[in-house]
Amino acid sequence: MPKRILSPYFYYRYGTEGQFEQARQRYVANLSEAQKKQYDDAIIKFQADGCSPIRLGEDWAYLTVAKAEGREI
């Protein structure tokens, strides 16, 4: 049976810090170079302004910054 891929929101809300970080690392490891640049740019954008709109594919970046800042989603 294949491993289930859960939403980043599931790991943010219900997972432990370790589970969230492990899932985030798996996600980033599977990105192409262009996607990694988009992810890094999104991290910078959300660090500068946490109220920026979340575009498609930026959910992990948003939740990573929110978790680091201790914000409740």
N, C-alpha and C. Protein backbone atom coordinates (compact mmCIF):
# COMPACT_ATOMS: atom_id res chain seq x y z
N MET A 1 0.84 -1.18 0.00
CA MET A 1 0.00 0.00 0.00
C MET A 1 0.88 1.24 0.00
N PRO A 2 0.66 2.18 -0.94
CA PRO A 2 1.51 3.37 -0.98
C PRO A 2 1.27 4.27 0.22
N LYS A 3 2.31 5.02 0.54
CA LYS A 3 2.21 5.97 1.65
C LYS A 3 1.27 7.10 1.27
N ARG A 4 0.41 7.46 2.17
CA ARG A 4 -0.52 8.56 1.91
C ARG A 4 0.20 9.89 2.02
N ILE A 5 -0.12 10.76 1.10
CA ILE A 5 0.43 12.12 1.15
C ILE A 5 -0.65 13.00 1.76
N LEU A 6 -0.34 13.58 2.87
CA LEU A 6 -1.31 14.42 3.57
C LEU A 6 -1.05 15.88 3.28
N SER A 7 -2.06 16.66 3.44
CA SER A 7 -1.99 18.10 3.22
C SER A 7 -1.00 18.74 4.20
N PRO A 8 -0.32 19.81 3.77
CA PRO A 8 0.56 20.51 4.70
C PRO A 8 -0.21 21.06 5.90
N TYR A 9 -1.47 21.39 5.70
CA TYR A 9 -2.29 21.89 6.80
C TYR A 9 -2.51 20.81 7.86
N PHE A 10 -2.60 19.56 7.44
CA PHE A 10 -2.74 18.46 8.40
C PHE A 10 -1.52 18.41 9.31
N TYR A 11 -0.32 18.45 8.70
CA TYR A 11 0.90 18.41 9.50
C TYR A 11 1.02 19.64 10.39
N TYR A 12 0.60 20.79 9.89
CA TYR A 12 0.67 22.01 10.67
C TYR A 12 -0.25 21.93 11.88
N ARG A 13 -1.47 21.49 11.65
CA ARG A 13 -2.50 21.50 12.69
C ARG A 13 -2.38 20.31 13.66
N TYR A 14 -2.15 19.11 13.13
CA TYR A 14 -2.23 17.91 13.95
C TYR A 14 -0.90 17.19 14.17
N GLY A 15 0.11 17.51 13.40
CA GLY A 15 1.38 16.82 13.53
C GLY A 15 2.28 17.46 14.56
N THR A 16 3.31 16.74 14.91
CA THR A 16 4.32 17.29 15.81
C THR A 16 5.28 18.15 15.01
N GLU A 17 6.14 18.87 15.70
CA GLU A 17 7.16 19.68 15.02
C GLU A 17 8.00 18.80 14.09
N GLY A 18 8.39 17.63 14.60
CA GLY A 18 9.21 16.71 13.81
C GLY A 18 8.50 16.20 12.57
N GLN A 19 7.23 15.86 12.71
CA GLN A 19 6.46 15.38 11.56
C GLN A 19 6.30 16.48 10.52
N PHE A 20 6.04 17.69 10.97
CA PHE A 20 5.91 18.82 10.04
C PHE A 20 7.21 19.04 9.29
N GLU A 21 8.32 19.07 10.01
CA GLU A 21 9.61 19.33 9.39
C GLU A 21 10.00 18.20 8.44
N GLN A 22 9.74 16.97 8.81
CA GLN A 22 10.04 15.83 7.96
C GLN A 22 9.23 15.88 6.66
N ALA A 23 7.96 16.20 6.77
CA ALA A 23 7.10 16.31 5.59
C ALA A 23 7.54 17.48 4.71
N ARG A 24 7.93 18.59 5.33
CA ARG A 24 8.40 19.75 4.57
C ARG A 24 9.67 19.42 3.81
N GLN A 25 10.59 18.71 4.46
CA GLN A 25 11.83 18.34 3.81
C GLN A 25 11.58 17.38 2.64
N ARG A 26 10.65 16.45 2.80
CA ARG A 26 10.29 15.55 1.70
C ARG A 26 9.71 16.34 0.53
N TYR A 27 8.87 17.31 0.84
CA TYR A 27 8.26 18.15 -0.19
C TYR A 27 9.33 18.92 -0.95
N VAL A 28 10.23 19.58 -0.24
CA VAL A 28 11.27 20.41 -0.87
C VAL A 28 12.23 19.52 -1.67
N ALA A 29 12.53 18.34 -1.19
CA ALA A 29 13.45 17.43 -1.90
C ALA A 29 12.89 17.00 -3.25
N ASN A 30 11.58 16.98 -3.39
CA ASN A 30 10.95 16.54 -4.64
C ASN A 30 10.66 17.68 -5.61
N LEU A 31 11.06 18.89 -5.29
CA LEU A 31 10.82 20.03 -6.17
C LEU A 31 11.90 20.12 -7.25
N SER A 32 11.53 20.62 -8.41
CA SER A 32 12.52 20.91 -9.45
C SER A 32 13.26 22.19 -9.04
N GLU A 33 14.31 22.53 -9.76
CA GLU A 33 15.07 23.74 -9.44
C GLU A 33 14.20 24.99 -9.54
N ALA A 34 13.37 25.06 -10.57
CA ALA A 34 12.49 26.23 -10.73
C ALA A 34 11.48 26.31 -9.58
N GLN A 35 10.96 25.16 -9.18
CA GLN A 35 10.00 25.13 -8.07
C GLN A 35 10.68 25.50 -6.75
N LYS A 36 11.95 25.07 -6.57
CA LYS A 36 12.68 25.43 -5.35
C LYS A 36 12.89 26.94 -5.27
N LYS A 37 13.17 27.56 -6.43
CA LYS A 37 13.33 29.02 -6.44
C LYS A 37 12.01 29.69 -6.08
N GLN A 38 10.91 29.19 -6.63
CA GLN A 38 9.59 29.74 -6.30
C GLN A 38 9.29 29.57 -4.81
N TYR A 39 9.65 28.42 -4.25
CA TYR A 39 9.45 28.16 -2.82
C TYR A 39 10.28 29.14 -1.99
N ASP A 40 11.55 29.32 -2.35
CA ASP A 40 12.42 30.25 -1.62
C ASP A 40 11.90 31.69 -1.71
N ASP A 41 11.45 32.07 -2.90
CA ASP A 41 10.88 33.42 -3.08
C ASP A 41 9.63 33.59 -2.22
N ALA A 42 8.80 32.55 -2.14
CA ALA A 42 7.58 32.62 -1.34
C ALA A 42 7.92 32.73 0.15
N ILE A 43 8.95 32.03 0.61
CA ILE A 43 9.39 32.13 2.01
C ILE A 43 9.75 33.58 2.32
N ILE A 44 10.54 34.19 1.44
CA ILE A 44 10.95 35.58 1.64
C ILE A 44 9.74 36.51 1.65
N LYS A 45 8.81 36.27 0.73
CA LYS A 45 7.59 37.10 0.64
C LYS A 45 6.79 37.02 1.94
N PHE A 46 6.61 35.81 2.47
CA PHE A 46 5.80 35.65 3.68
C PHE A 46 6.53 36.11 4.93
N GLN A 47 7.85 36.07 4.93
CA GLN A 47 8.59 36.62 6.06
C GLN A 47 8.45 38.14 6.10
N ALA A 48 8.39 38.76 4.93
CA ALA A 48 8.24 40.21 4.86
C ALA A 48 6.81 40.64 5.18
N ASP A 49 5.83 39.88 4.71
CA ASP A 49 4.43 40.23 4.91
C ASP A 49 3.60 38.95 5.04
N GLY A 50 3.29 38.58 6.26
CA GLY A 50 2.53 37.37 6.54
C GLY A 50 1.09 37.41 6.06
N CYS A 51 0.63 38.58 5.63
CA CYS A 51 -0.76 38.72 5.16
C CYS A 51 -0.86 38.69 3.64
N SER A 52 0.25 38.40 2.97
CA SER A 52 0.23 38.31 1.51
C SER A 52 -0.70 37.17 1.09
N PRO A 53 -1.36 37.32 -0.06
CA PRO A 53 -2.21 36.22 -0.53
C PRO A 53 -1.37 34.99 -0.87
N ILE A 54 -1.94 33.83 -0.61
CA ILE A 54 -1.25 32.57 -0.88
C ILE A 54 -1.65 32.12 -2.28
N ARG A 55 -0.67 32.02 -3.15
CA ARG A 55 -0.92 31.53 -4.51
C ARG A 55 -0.75 30.02 -4.54
N LEU A 56 -1.22 29.41 -5.61
CA LEU A 56 -1.11 27.98 -5.80
C LEU A 56 0.35 27.55 -5.66
N GLY A 57 0.59 26.54 -4.84
CA GLY A 57 1.94 26.03 -4.65
C GLY A 57 2.73 26.71 -3.55
N GLU A 58 2.14 27.69 -2.88
CA GLU A 58 2.86 28.41 -1.83
C GLU A 58 2.41 28.01 -0.42
N ASP A 59 1.61 26.98 -0.31
CA ASP A 59 1.08 26.61 1.00
C ASP A 59 2.17 26.14 1.96
N TRP A 60 3.13 25.34 1.49
CA TRP A 60 4.20 24.90 2.38
C TRP A 60 5.04 26.09 2.84
N ALA A 61 5.32 27.02 1.95
CA ALA A 61 6.12 28.19 2.32
C ALA A 61 5.39 29.01 3.38
N TYR A 62 4.11 29.25 3.16
CA TYR A 62 3.31 30.03 4.11
C TYR A 62 3.29 29.36 5.49
N LEU A 63 3.03 28.07 5.51
CA LEU A 63 2.95 27.36 6.79
C LEU A 63 4.30 27.26 7.48
N THR A 64 5.38 27.16 6.71
CA THR A 64 6.72 27.13 7.30
C THR A 64 7.01 28.42 8.04
N VAL A 65 6.69 29.54 7.40
CA VAL A 65 6.92 30.84 8.03
C VAL A 65 5.99 31.02 9.24
N ALA A 66 4.74 30.64 9.09
CA ALA A 66 3.77 30.77 10.19
C ALA A 66 4.22 29.95 11.40
N LYS A 67 4.69 28.73 11.16
CA LYS A 67 5.13 27.87 12.25
C LYS A 67 6.36 28.45 12.92
N ALA A 68 7.29 28.97 12.13
CA ALA A 68 8.52 29.55 12.69
C ALA A 68 8.21 30.78 13.55
N GLU A 69 7.18 31.53 13.15
CA GLU A 69 6.81 32.73 13.90
C GLU A 69 5.81 32.44 15.01
N GLY A 70 5.33 31.20 15.09
CA GLY A 70 4.41 30.81 16.14
C GLY A 70 2.99 31.32 15.93
N ARG A 71 2.65 31.63 14.68
CA ARG A 71 1.28 32.11 14.38
C ARG A 71 0.31 30.95 14.35
N GLU A 72 -0.89 31.20 14.79
CA GLU A 72 -1.98 30.21 14.75
C GLU A 72 -2.75 30.40 13.46
N ILE A 73 -2.93 29.33 12.73
CA ILE A 73 -3.66 29.38 11.45
C ILE A 73 -5.06 28.82 11.67
